[in-house]
C-alpha atoms as a PDB file:
ATOM      1  CA  MET A   1      40.118   4.720 100.510  1.00  0.00           C
ATOM      2  CA  ASP A   2      43.479   4.375  98.759  1.00  0.00           C
ATOM      3  CA  ASN A   3      45.878   6.885 100.286  1.00  0.00           C
ATOM      4  CA  ASN A   4      48.409   6.226  97.487  1.00  0.00           C
ATOM      5  CA  ARG A   5      46.311   8.395  95.167  1.00  0.00           C
ATOM      6  CA  ASN A   6      47.200  11.410  97.271  1.00  0.00           C
ATOM      7  CA  LYS A   7      50.914  10.701  97.026  1.00  0.00           C
ATOM      8  CA  ARG A   8      53.055  11.882  94.181  1.00  0.00           C
ATOM      9  CA  SER A   9      56.286  10.396  92.911  1.00  0.00           C
ATOM     10  CA  LEU A  10      59.326  12.595  93.345  1.00  0.00           C
ATOM     11  CA  PHE A  11      61.310  10.771  90.633  1.00  0.00           C
ATOM     12  CA  TRP A  12      60.615  13.123  87.715  1.00  0.00           C
ATOM     13  CA  PRO A  13      61.150  16.401  89.587  1.00  0.00           C
ATOM     14  CA  VAL A  14      64.570  15.166  90.750  1.00  0.00           C
ATOM     15  CA  VAL A  15      65.550  13.897  87.279  1.00  0.00           C
ATOM     16  CA  LEU A  16      64.430  17.108  85.558  1.00  0.00           C
ATOM     17  CA  ILE A  17      66.437  19.197  88.008  1.00  0.00           C
ATOM     18  CA  GLY A  18      69.514  17.057  87.309  1.00  0.00           C
ATOM     19  CA  VAL A  19      69.091  17.270  83.527  1.00  0.00           C
ATOM     20  CA  GLY A  20      68.633  21.018  83.819  1.00  0.00           C
ATOM     21  CA  ILE A  21      71.863  21.328  85.787  1.00  0.00           C
ATOM     22  CA  VAL A  22      73.827  19.351  83.174  1.00  0.00           C
ATOM     23  CA  TRP A  23      72.380  21.396  80.305  1.00  0.00           C
ATOM     24  CA  MET A  24      73.083  24.660  82.118  1.00  0.00           C
ATOM     25  CA  LEU A  25      76.720  23.646  82.696  1.00  0.00           C
ATOM     26  CA  TYR A  26      77.042  22.898  78.972  1.00  0.00           C
ATOM     27  CA  ASN A  27      75.511  26.237  77.949  1.00  0.00           C
ATOM     28  CA  LEU A  28      77.891  28.036  80.312  1.00  0.00           C
ATOM     29  CA  ASN A  29      80.847  26.210  78.688  1.00  0.00           C
ATOM     30  CA  LEU A  30      81.757  24.640  82.024  1.00  0.00           C
ATOM     31  CA  ILE A  31      81.614  21.190  80.441  1.00  0.00           C
ATOM     32  CA  SER A  32      82.449  20.199  76.863  1.00  0.00           C
ATOM     33  CA  GLY A  33      80.531  18.400  74.181  1.00  0.00           C
ATOM     34  CA  ALA A  34      82.466  15.253  75.055  1.00  0.00           C
ATOM     35  CA  ASN A  35      81.143  15.521  78.632  1.00  0.00           C
ATOM     36  CA  LEU A  36      77.613  15.860  77.319  1.00  0.00           C
ATOM     37  CA  SER A  37      78.132  12.886  75.024  1.00  0.00           C
ATOM     38  CA  ALA A  38      79.237  10.805  78.006  1.00  0.00           C
ATOM     39  CA  ALA A  39      76.057  11.738  79.855  1.00  0.00           C
ATOM     40  CA  LEU A  40      73.891  10.696  76.907  1.00  0.00           C
ATOM     41  CA  GLN A  41      75.364   7.199  76.980  1.00  0.00           C
ATOM     42  CA  LEU A  42      73.520   6.502  80.247  1.00  0.00           C
ATOM     43  CA  TRP A  43      70.019   6.704  78.748  1.00  0.00           C
ATOM     44  CA  PRO A  44      69.349   3.000  79.652  1.00  0.00           C
ATOM     45  CA  LEU A  45      69.767   4.000  83.319  1.00  0.00           C
ATOM     46  CA  LEU A  46      66.845   6.375  82.869  1.00  0.00           C
ATOM     47  CA  LEU A  47      64.671   3.482  81.648  1.00  0.00           C
ATOM     48  CA  ILE A  48      65.621   1.436  84.701  1.00  0.00           C
ATOM     49  CA  GLY A  49      64.748   4.367  86.948  1.00  0.00           C
ATOM     50  CA  ILE A  50      61.372   4.820  85.248  1.00  0.00           C
ATOM     51  CA  GLY A  51      60.558   1.144  85.782  1.00  0.00           C
ATOM     52  CA  MET A  52      61.489   1.256  89.455  1.00  0.00           C
ATOM     53  CA  ASP A  53      59.514   4.456  89.901  1.00  0.00           C
ATOM     54  CA  LEU A  54      56.421   2.769  88.450  1.00  0.00           C
ATOM     55  CA  LEU A  55      56.816   0.004  91.016  1.00  0.00           C
ATOM     56  CA  PHE A  56      57.507   2.084  94.131  1.00  0.00           C
ATOM     57  CA  GLY A  57      56.975   5.754  93.310  1.00  0.00           C
ATOM     58  CA  ARG A  58      53.423   6.391  94.511  1.00  0.00           C
ATOM     59  CA  ARG A  59      53.613   4.096  97.531  1.00  0.00           C
ATOM     60  CA  PHE A  60      56.962   5.398  98.734  1.00  0.00           C
ATOM     61  CA  PRO A  61      57.698   8.969  97.578  1.00  0.00           C
ATOM     62  CA  ILE A  62      60.999   8.999  99.486  1.00  0.00           C
ATOM     63  CA  VAL A  63      62.106   5.880  97.621  1.00  0.00           C
ATOM     64  CA  SER A  64      61.185   7.482  94.296  1.00  0.00           C
ATOM     65  CA  ALA A  65      63.279  10.511  95.273  1.00  0.00           C
ATOM     66  CA  LEU A  66      66.221   8.242  96.095  1.00  0.00           C
ATOM     67  CA  ILE A  67      65.837   6.485  92.738  1.00  0.00           C
ATOM     68  CA  GLY A  68      65.872   9.867  91.025  1.00  0.00           C
ATOM     69  CA  LEU A  69      68.995  10.874  92.940  1.00  0.00           C
ATOM     70  CA  VAL A  70      70.737   7.661  91.885  1.00  0.00           C
ATOM     71  CA  VAL A  71      69.882   8.326  88.224  1.00  0.00           C
ATOM     72  CA  VAL A  72      70.998  11.961  88.452  1.00  0.00           C
ATOM     73  CA  GLY A  73      74.165  10.966  90.326  1.00  0.00           C
ATOM     74  CA  GLY A  74      75.021   8.457  87.619  1.00  0.00           C
ATOM     75  CA  ILE A  75      74.466  11.021  84.889  1.00  0.00           C
ATOM     76  CA  LEU A  76      76.527  13.676  86.656  1.00  0.00           C
ATOM     77  CA  GLY A  77      79.283  11.191  87.439  1.00  0.00           C
ATOM     78  CA  MET A  78      79.515  10.056  83.826  1.00  0.00           C
ATOM     79  CA  THR A  79      79.374  13.669  82.642  1.00  0.00           C
ATOM     80  CA  LEU A  80      82.370  14.687  84.722  1.00  0.00           C
ATOM     81  CA  ALA A  81      84.430  11.489  84.719  1.00  0.00           C
ATOM     82  CA  GLY A  82      83.657   9.919  81.330  1.00  0.00           C
ATOM     83  CA  PRO A  83      86.229  11.819  79.239  1.00  0.00           C
ATOM     84  CA  ARG A  84      88.941  11.475  81.913  1.00  0.00           C
ATOM     85  CA  LEU A  85      88.394   7.718  82.035  1.00  0.00           C
ATOM     86  CA  GLY A  86      88.772   7.482  78.266  1.00  0.00           C
ATOM     87  CA  LEU A  87      85.168   6.372  77.753  1.00  0.00           C
ATOM     88  CA  VAL A  88      84.553   9.124  75.216  1.00  0.00           C
ATOM     89  CA  SER A  89      86.825   9.614  72.241  1.00  0.00           C
ATOM     90  CA  SER A  90      87.047  12.408  69.728  1.00  0.00           C
ATOM     91  CA  PRO A  91      88.234  10.647  66.576  1.00  0.00           C
ATOM     92  CA  GLU A  92      91.177  12.167  64.742  1.00  0.00           C
ATOM     93  CA  LEU A  93      90.650  13.436  61.221  1.00  0.00           C
ATOM     94  CA  LYS A  94      92.610  11.805  58.425  1.00  0.00           C
ATOM     95  CA  THR A  95      92.960  12.480  54.700  1.00  0.00           C
ATOM     96  CA  GLU A  96      92.585   9.729  52.102  1.00  0.00           C
ATOM     97  CA  THR A  97      92.576   9.829  48.300  1.00  0.00           C
ATOM     98  CA  PHE A  98      90.779   7.243  46.175  1.00  0.00           C
ATOM     99  CA  VAL A  99      91.539   6.898  42.456  1.00  0.00           C
ATOM    100  CA  ALA A 100      89.719   4.984  39.720  1.00  0.00           C
ATOM    101  CA  PRO A 101      91.800   5.005  36.496  1.00  0.00           C
ATOM    102  CA  SER A 102      89.931   5.381  33.208  1.00  0.00           C
ATOM    103  CA  GLY A 103      91.468   2.285  31.656  1.00  0.00           C
ATOM    104  CA  LEU A 104      89.149   0.911  28.955  1.00  0.00           C
ATOM    105  CA  ALA A 105      86.021   2.490  30.409  1.00  0.00           C
ATOM    106  CA  ARG A 106      83.344   3.403  27.879  1.00  0.00           C
ATOM    107  CA  ARG A 107      80.617   4.030  30.425  1.00  0.00           C
ATOM    108  CA  ALA A 108      80.556   4.238  34.210  1.00  0.00           C
ATOM    109  CA  ARG A 109      77.994   3.899  36.960  1.00  0.00           C
ATOM    110  CA  LEU A 110      79.065   6.018  39.925  1.00  0.00           C
ATOM    111  CA  GLU A 111      77.392   5.604  43.298  1.00  0.00           C
ATOM    112  CA  VAL A 112      78.317   8.219  45.901  1.00  0.00           C
ATOM    113  CA  GLN A 113      76.918   8.283  49.445  1.00  0.00           C
ATOM    114  CA  PHE A 114      77.759  11.298  51.619  1.00  0.00           C
ATOM    115  CA  SER A 115      77.042  10.831  55.327  1.00  0.00           C
ATOM    116  CA  THR A 116      77.904  14.330  56.601  1.00  0.00           C
ATOM    117  CA  GLY A 117      80.274  17.262  56.158  1.00  0.00           C
ATOM    118  CA  ASP A 118      80.959  19.816  53.425  1.00  0.00           C
ATOM    119  CA  ASN A 119      81.124  17.960  50.110  1.00  0.00           C
ATOM    120  CA  GLN A 120      81.465  18.659  46.420  1.00  0.00           C
ATOM    121  CA  ILE A 121      81.333  16.842  43.092  1.00  0.00           C
ATOM    122  CA  ARG A 122      82.982  18.556  40.125  1.00  0.00           C
ATOM    123  CA  PRO A 123      84.516  17.893  36.677  1.00  0.00           C
ATOM    124  CA  LEU A 124      88.008  16.415  36.623  1.00  0.00           C
ATOM    125  CA  ALA A 125      90.682  18.117  34.512  1.00  0.00           C
ATOM    126  CA  GLY A 126      94.224  17.271  33.440  1.00  0.00           C
ATOM    127  CA  THR A 127      94.285  13.535  34.144  1.00  0.00           C
ATOM    128  CA  GLN A 128      93.464  10.174  32.571  1.00  0.00           C
ATOM    129  CA  ASN A 129      91.555   8.983  35.604  1.00  0.00           C
ATOM    130  CA  LEU A 130      87.850   8.235  35.716  1.00  0.00           C
ATOM    131  CA  LEU A 131      87.474   9.511  39.260  1.00  0.00           C
ATOM    132  CA  VAL A 132      89.641  11.090  41.938  1.00  0.00           C
ATOM    133  CA  ALA A 133      88.127  11.534  45.399  1.00  0.00           C
ATOM    134  CA  THR A 134      89.773  13.073  48.446  1.00  0.00           C
ATOM    135  CA  ALA A 135      88.141  12.597  51.828  1.00  0.00           C
ATOM    136  CA  ILE A 136      88.887  14.301  55.122  1.00  0.00           C
ATOM    137  CA  HIS A 137      87.104  12.163  57.665  1.00  0.00           C
ATOM    138  CA  SER A 138      87.156  10.382  60.993  1.00  0.00           C
ATOM    139  CA  GLY A 139      85.802   6.953  60.230  1.00  0.00           C
ATOM    140  CA  THR A 140      85.856   4.239  57.600  1.00  0.00           C
ATOM    141  CA  VAL A 141      85.142   4.746  53.893  1.00  0.00           C
ATOM    142  CA  GLU A 142      83.921   2.138  51.444  1.00  0.00           C
ATOM    143  CA  PHE A 143      85.514   2.348  47.983  1.00  0.00           C
ATOM    144  CA  THR A 144      85.030  -0.244  45.242  1.00  0.00           C
ATOM    145  CA  ASP A 145      85.932  -0.190  41.549  1.00  0.00           C
ATOM    146  CA  SER A 146      84.927  -3.029  39.240  1.00  0.00           C
ATOM    147  CA  GLY A 147      84.356  -3.745  35.562  1.00  0.00           C
ATOM    148  CA  THR A 148      86.373  -3.039  32.425  1.00  0.00           C
ATOM    149  CA  THR A 149      84.449  -1.220  29.693  1.00  0.00           C
ATOM    150  CA  ASN A 150      81.352  -0.828  31.877  1.00  0.00           C
ATOM    151  CA  ARG A 151      82.681   0.402  35.194  1.00  0.00           C
ATOM    152  CA  ASN A 152      81.033   0.405  38.594  1.00  0.00           C
ATOM    153  CA  VAL A 153      82.536   2.723  41.207  1.00  0.00           C
ATOM    154  CA  ARG A 154      81.106   3.120  44.701  1.00  0.00           C
ATOM    155  CA  LEU A 155      82.066   5.599  47.421  1.00  0.00           C
ATOM    156  CA  SER A 156      80.291   5.521  50.751  1.00  0.00           C
ATOM    157  CA  GLY A 157      80.902   7.023  54.155  1.00  0.00           C
ATOM    158  CA  PRO A 158      82.463   7.842  56.364  1.00  0.00           C
ATOM    159  CA  ARG A 159      81.012   5.597  59.048  1.00  0.00           C
ATOM    160  CA  PRO A 160      82.140   6.103  62.662  1.00  0.00           C
ATOM    161  CA  GLU A 161      84.975   3.978  63.963  1.00  0.00           C
ATOM    162  CA  SER A 162      84.004   1.300  66.447  1.00  0.00           C
ATOM    163  CA  GLY A 163      84.545   2.101  70.088  1.00  0.00           C
ATOM    164  CA  VAL A 164      82.923   2.375  73.496  1.00  0.00           C
ATOM    165  CA  PHE A 165      81.636   5.959  73.265  1.00  0.00           C
ATOM    166  CA  ILE A 166      82.369   8.235  70.328  1.00  0.00           C
ATOM    167  CA  TRP A 167      81.684  11.945  70.158  1.00  0.00           C
ATOM    168  CA  PRO A 168      80.965  12.753  66.481  1.00  0.00           C
ATOM    169  CA  SER A 169      83.035  15.413  64.759  1.00  0.00           C
ATOM    170  CA  PHE A 170      81.423  18.687  63.859  1.00  0.00           C
ATOM    171  CA  MET A 171      79.805  18.596  60.437  1.00  0.00           C
ATOM    172  CA  GLY A 172      82.147  21.102  58.841  1.00  0.00           C
ATOM    173  CA  GLU A 173      85.303  19.217  59.815  1.00  0.00           C
ATOM    174  CA  GLN A 174      84.663  16.338  57.416  1.00  0.00           C
ATOM    175  CA  SER A 175      84.569  16.785  53.669  1.00  0.00           C
ATOM    176  CA  TRP A 176      84.608  15.087  50.279  1.00  0.00           C
ATOM    177  CA  ASP A 177      86.057  16.411  47.035  1.00  0.00           C
ATOM    178  CA  VAL A 178      84.977  14.097  44.207  1.00  0.00           C
ATOM    179  CA  ALA A 179      86.190  14.872  40.672  1.00  0.00           C
ATOM    180  CA  ILE A 180      84.724  12.990  37.680  1.00  0.00           C
ATOM    181  CA  SER A 181      86.173  12.664  34.179  1.00  0.00           C
ATOM    182  CA  PRO A 182      84.323  14.645  31.465  1.00  0.00           C
ATOM    183  CA  ASP A 183      85.413  12.086  28.840  1.00  0.00           C
ATOM    184  CA  VAL A 184      83.436   9.023  29.998  1.00  0.00           C
ATOM    185  CA  PRO A 185      79.602   8.861  29.949  1.00  0.00           C
ATOM    186  CA  VAL A 186      78.338   8.405  33.508  1.00  0.00           C
ATOM    187  CA  ASP A 187      75.223   7.368  35.370  1.00  0.00           C
ATOM    188  CA  LEU A 188      75.427   9.136  38.730  1.00  0.00           C
ATOM    189  CA  GLU A 189      73.599   7.984  41.854  1.00  0.00           C
ATOM    190  CA  LEU A 190      74.042  10.370  44.778  1.00  0.00           C
ATOM    191  CA  GLY A 191      72.795  10.005  48.332  1.00  0.00           C
ATOM    192  CA  VAL A 192      73.110  12.784  50.920  1.00  0.00           C
ATOM    193  CA  SER A 193      72.372  12.067  54.586  1.00  0.00           C
ATOM    194  CA  SER A 194      73.247  15.511  55.941  1.00  0.00           C
ATOM    195  CA  GLY A 195      75.715  18.361  55.554  1.00  0.00           C
ATOM    196  CA  ASN A 196      76.315  20.816  52.726  1.00  0.00           C
ATOM    197  CA  THR A 197      76.790  19.369  49.251  1.00  0.00           C
ATOM    198  CA  ASN A 198      77.569  21.129  45.965  1.00  0.00           C
ATOM    199  CA  VAL A 199      77.305  19.094  42.760  1.00  0.00           C
ATOM    200  CA  ASP A 200      78.568  20.657  39.510  1.00  0.00           C
ATOM    201  CA  LEU A 201      77.946  18.333  36.560  1.00  0.00           C
ATOM    202  CA  SER A 202      78.568  20.971  33.882  1.00  0.00           C
ATOM    203  CA  GLY A 203      80.748  19.620  31.111  1.00  0.00           C
ATOM    204  CA  LEU A 204      80.189  15.974  32.090  1.00  0.00           C
ATOM    205  CA  LYS A 205      78.722  13.339  29.777  1.00  0.00           C
ATOM    206  CA  VAL A 206      75.739  12.593  31.969  1.00  0.00           C
ATOM    207  CA  GLU A 207      73.551   9.666  30.886  1.00  0.00           C
ATOM    208  CA  SER A 208      71.299   9.782  33.955  1.00  0.00           C
ATOM    209  CA  THR A 209      71.284  11.181  37.470  1.00  0.00           C
ATOM    210  CA  SER A 210      69.629  10.126  40.708  1.00  0.00           C
ATOM    211  CA  VAL A 211      69.779  12.329  43.798  1.00  0.00           C
ATOM    212  CA  GLN A 212      68.334  11.375  47.171  1.00  0.00           C
ATOM    213  CA  VAL A 213      68.497  13.928  50.005  1.00  0.00           C
ATOM    214  CA  SER A 214      67.645  12.955  53.577  1.00  0.00           C
ATOM    215  CA  SER A 215      68.704  16.225  55.206  1.00  0.00           C
ATOM    216  CA  GLY A 216      71.098  19.148  54.814  1.00  0.00           C
ATOM    217  CA  ASP A 217      71.554  21.644  51.987  1.00  0.00           C
ATOM    218  CA  THR A 218      72.303  20.350  48.486  1.00  0.00           C
ATOM    219  CA  THR A 219      72.776  22.165  45.184  1.00  0.00           C
ATOM    220  CA  VAL A 220      73.001  20.409  41.801  1.00  0.00           C
ATOM    221  CA  ILE A 221      73.932  21.877  38.407  1.00  0.00           C
ATOM    222  CA  LEU A 222      72.605  19.748  35.539  1.00  0.00           C
ATOM    223  CA  PRO A 223      74.492  19.986  32.226  1.00  0.00           C
ATOM    224  CA  ALA A 224      73.509  20.445  28.609  1.00  0.00           C
ATOM    225  CA  THR A 225      74.861  17.253  27.030  1.00  0.00           C
ATOM    226  CA  GLY A 226      73.432  17.512  23.536  1.00  0.00           C
ATOM    227  CA  LYS A 227      70.923  14.708  24.113  1.00  0.00           C
ATOM    228  CA  SER A 228      68.067  13.914  26.461  1.00  0.00           C
ATOM    229  CA  TYR A 229      68.703  12.296  29.852  1.00  0.00           C
ATOM    230  CA  ARG A 230      66.630  11.479  32.918  1.00  0.00           C
ATOM    231  CA  SER A 231      67.085  12.897  36.420  1.00  0.00           C
ATOM    232  CA  VAL A 232      65.368  11.448  39.488  1.00  0.00           C
ATOM    233  CA  LEU A 233      65.142  13.565  42.646  1.00  0.00           C
ATOM    234  CA  ARG A 234      63.981  12.323  46.053  1.00  0.00           C
ATOM    235  CA  MET A 235      63.749  14.483  49.186  1.00  0.00           C
ATOM    236  CA  SER A 236      62.901  13.497  52.753  1.00  0.00           C
ATOM    237  CA  SER A 237      63.900  16.794  54.358  1.00  0.00           C
ATOM    238  CA  GLY A 238      66.361  19.652  54.015  1.00  0.00           C
ATOM    239  CA  SER A 239      66.916  21.858  51.000  1.00  0.00           C
ATOM    240  CA  LEU A 240      67.654  20.907  47.391  1.00  0.00           C
ATOM    241  CA  THR A 241      68.343  23.440  44.630  1.00  0.00           C
ATOM    242  CA  VAL A 242      68.579  22.191  41.036  1.00  0.00           C
ATOM    243  CA  SER A 243      70.013  24.496  38.368  1.00  0.00           C
ATOM    244  CA  VAL A 244      69.586  23.497  34.719  1.00  0.00           C
ATOM    245  CA  GLN A 245      72.025  24.864  32.170  1.00  0.00           C
ATOM    246  CA  PRO A 246      70.706  26.572  29.007  1.00  0.00           C
ATOM    247  CA  GLY A 247      70.255  24.083  26.182  1.00  0.00           C
ATOM    248  CA  ALA A 248      69.789  21.098  28.509  1.00  0.00           C
ATOM    249  CA  GLU A 249      67.220  18.496  27.514  1.00  0.00           C
ATOM    250  CA  THR A 250      66.220  16.577  30.605  1.00  0.00           C
ATOM    251  CA  ILE A 251      63.264  14.827  32.182  1.00  0.00           C
ATOM    252  CA  LEU A 252      63.132  15.563  35.914  1.00  0.00           C
ATOM    253  CA  GLU A 253      61.109  13.215  38.093  1.00  0.00           C
ATOM    254  CA  SER A 254      60.762  14.620  41.611  1.00  0.00           C
ATOM    255  CA  ARG A 255      59.265  13.426  44.872  1.00  0.00           C
ATOM    256  CA  ILE A 256      59.338  15.589  47.994  1.00  0.00           C
ATOM    257  CA  SER A 257      58.203  14.474  51.455  1.00  0.00           C
ATOM    258  CA  SER A 258      59.289  17.607  53.298  1.00  0.00           C
ATOM    259  CA  GLY A 259      61.714  20.519  53.011  1.00  0.00           C
ATOM    260  CA  ARG A 260      62.284  22.866  50.084  1.00  0.00           C
ATOM    261  CA  LEU A 261      62.907  21.946  46.456  1.00  0.00           C
ATOM    262  CA  THR A 262      63.974  24.801  44.163  1.00  0.00           C
ATOM    263  CA  TYR A 263      64.417  24.752  40.383  1.00  0.00           C
ATOM    264  CA  ASP A 264      66.560  27.400  38.685  1.00  0.00           C
ATOM    265  CA  LEU A 265      65.564  27.150  35.027  1.00  0.00           C
ATOM    266  CA  PRO A 266      66.888  29.065  31.998  1.00  0.00           C
ATOM    267  CA  VAL A 267      64.296  31.491  30.627  1.00  0.00           C
ATOM    268  CA  SER A 268      65.348  30.534  27.123  1.00  0.00           C
ATOM    269  CA  SER A 269      64.137  26.920  27.495  1.00  0.00           C
ATOM    270  CA  PRO A 270      60.538  25.786  27.050  1.00  0.00           C
ATOM    271  CA  VAL A 271      59.316  23.981  30.176  1.00  0.00           C
ATOM    272  CA  ARG A 272      56.484  21.583  30.929  1.00  0.00           C
ATOM    273  CA  PHE A 273      55.798  21.384  34.686  1.00  0.00           C
ATOM    274  CA  GLU A 274      53.337  18.850  36.119  1.00  0.00           C
ATOM    275  CA  VAL A 275      52.204  18.196  39.678  1.00  0.00           C
ATOM    276  CA  THR A 276      51.108  14.551  39.546  1.00  0.00           C
ATOM    277  CA  ARG A 277      50.160  14.261  43.233  1.00  0.00           C
ATOM    278  CA  LYS A 278      49.856  16.790  46.023  1.00  0.00           C
ATOM    279  CA  SER A 279      48.847  16.090  49.628  1.00  0.00           C
ATOM    280  CA  SER A 280      49.929  19.399  51.125  1.00  0.00           C
ATOM    281  CA  GLY A 281      52.630  22.011  50.695  1.00  0.00           C
ATOM    282  CA  THR A 282      52.989  24.852  48.225  1.00  0.00           C
ATOM    283  CA  VAL A 283      54.096  25.351  44.617  1.00  0.00           C
ATOM    284  CA  ARG A 284      55.377  28.730  43.400  1.00  0.00           C
ATOM    285  CA  LEU A 285      55.791  29.359  39.666  1.00  0.00           C
ATOM    286  CA  PRO A 286      56.901  32.467  37.753  1.00  0.00           C
ATOM    287  CA  GLU A 287      54.361  34.438  35.754  1.00  0.00           C
ATOM    288  CA  ARG A 288      55.665  33.003  32.479  1.00  0.00           C
ATOM    289  CA  PHE A 289      54.074  29.633  33.406  1.00  0.00           C
ATOM    290  CA  GLN A 290      50.467  29.161  32.282  1.00  0.00           C
ATOM    291  CA  LEU A 291      48.082  26.525  33.635  1.00  0.00           C
ATOM    292  CA  VAL A 292      46.945  24.299  30.744  1.00  0.00           C
ATOM    293  CA  SER A 293      45.066  21.623  32.724  1.00  0.00           C
ATOM    294  CA  GLY A 294      44.152  20.744  36.293  1.00  0.00           C
ATOM    295  CA  GLN A 295      43.843  23.016  39.307  1.00  0.00           C
ATOM    296  CA  ALA A 296      45.980  26.029  40.126  1.00  0.00           C
ATOM    297  CA  ASN A 297      46.308  25.043  43.798  1.00  0.00           C
ATOM    298  CA  GLY A 298      46.552  21.307  43.287  1.00  0.00           C
ATOM    299  CA  GLU A 299      47.424  18.753  40.639  1.00  0.00           C
ATOM    300  CA  GLY A 300      47.870  20.228  37.188  1.00  0.00           C
ATOM    301  CA  VAL A 301      50.085  20.968  34.195  1.00  0.00           C
ATOM    302  CA  TRP A 302      51.797  24.292  33.509  1.00  0.00           C
ATOM    303  CA  GLU A 303      53.802  25.311  30.451  1.00  0.00           C
ATOM    304  CA  ALA A 304      56.294  28.072  29.706  1.00  0.00           C
ATOM    305  CA  PRO A 305      57.213  28.654  26.022  1.00  0.00           C
ATOM    306  CA  GLY A 306      60.746  29.947  26.604  1.00  0.00           C
ATOM    307  CA  SER A 307      62.393  32.830  24.800  1.00  0.00           C
ATOM    308  CA  ASP A 308      64.158  30.467  22.344  1.00  0.00           C
ATOM    309  CA  PRO A 309      61.606  28.312  20.458  1.00  0.00           C
ATOM    310  CA  SER A 310      64.389  26.054  19.153  1.00  0.00           C
ATOM    311  CA  ALA A 311      65.753  25.242  22.629  1.00  0.00           C
ATOM    312  CA  PRO A 312      65.236  21.677  23.957  1.00  0.00           C
ATOM    313  CA  LEU A 313      62.288  21.008  26.233  1.00  0.00           C
ATOM    314  CA  ILE A 314      62.696  20.599  30.002  1.00  0.00           C
ATOM    315  CA  GLU A 315      60.043  18.283  31.469  1.00  0.00           C
ATOM    316  CA  ILE A 316      59.399  18.246  35.220  1.00  0.00           C
ATOM    317  CA  THR A 317      57.028  16.042  37.207  1.00  0.00           C
ATOM    318  CA  VAL A 318      56.555  16.495  40.961  1.00  0.00           C
ATOM    319  CA  GLU A 319      54.892  14.440  43.690  1.00  0.00           C
ATOM    320  CA  ILE A 320      54.431  16.429  46.900  1.00  0.00           C
ATOM    321  CA  SER A 321      53.571  14.944  50.284  1.00  0.00           C
ATOM    322  CA  SER A 322      54.568  18.129  52.087  1.00  0.00           C
ATOM    323  CA  GLY A 323      57.071  20.941  51.724  1.00  0.00           C
ATOM    324  CA  ASN A 324      57.648  23.746  49.245  1.00  0.00           C
ATOM    325  CA  VAL A 325      58.470  23.615  45.533  1.00  0.00           C
ATOM    326  CA  ILE A 326      59.798  26.808  43.981  1.00  0.00           C
ATOM    327  CA  VAL A 327      60.538  27.470  40.301  1.00  0.00           C
ATOM    328  CA  ARG A 328      62.696  30.441  39.358  1.00  0.00           C
END
């Protein structure tokens, strides 16, 4: 009979006690976030300990306990000594301004990628520039400006500075303020990784928009430009609220994997709303929307006449894998 079956490894009890101690010290504010960050850098040591425990744990419980103590000792040592040894750095915030002059621009493609922080996009006033962006960040920012009459401007970042161990700044410390000229027609491509983002496109000459949200809270105001334009919305998670100004004529193509997508629509505008595919999730529509084809709880087409029969039509299509879609 194999006596090893009656023996239990002591590795995991020891490791869990150590992790609990570190987490308790953090919750009691006895160690800082930088200390906790230092501890997290030793996750490969945990893998080594697991491997050694698989080899010796059941045959030699005392050895497994010693392995667990070594892992916990390494974590505690890094937690307490890492910041003092300079192995963890809290990057300093800096302010940078990026300017793209209007020049001979007749149309512009603007690509903006926000990684984190509190960010905004708004109309630019009182200048001849195409774009003025001010970033408060602790990393590196990519900024490119090319073309003459057809301009291509790209803003991306910030990405963390290189280093041994870096403790990321709190989300609210970093920010973008991007101002766009209302005089040049623009195609806007926006990507949001996380954070809080407010996009006000009212008054801009929008030719098309594309918004992709991975996480965080994002609000977008779509303008009435006097002609039809297309907007593409993609959501992986988080919250996205899209407000359409009265008189806007836009085709909104939406795809939501998770999270909450909300449309604020003017009651004066006629609306055609279609769910082209639905795996799960919910759709909530006001009473003014009437089902004209399909199923009320699935794929279908709804229409709302609007209080102003002469107002331009707003067309919305939605693909839903999961999440909630709300129309107000």
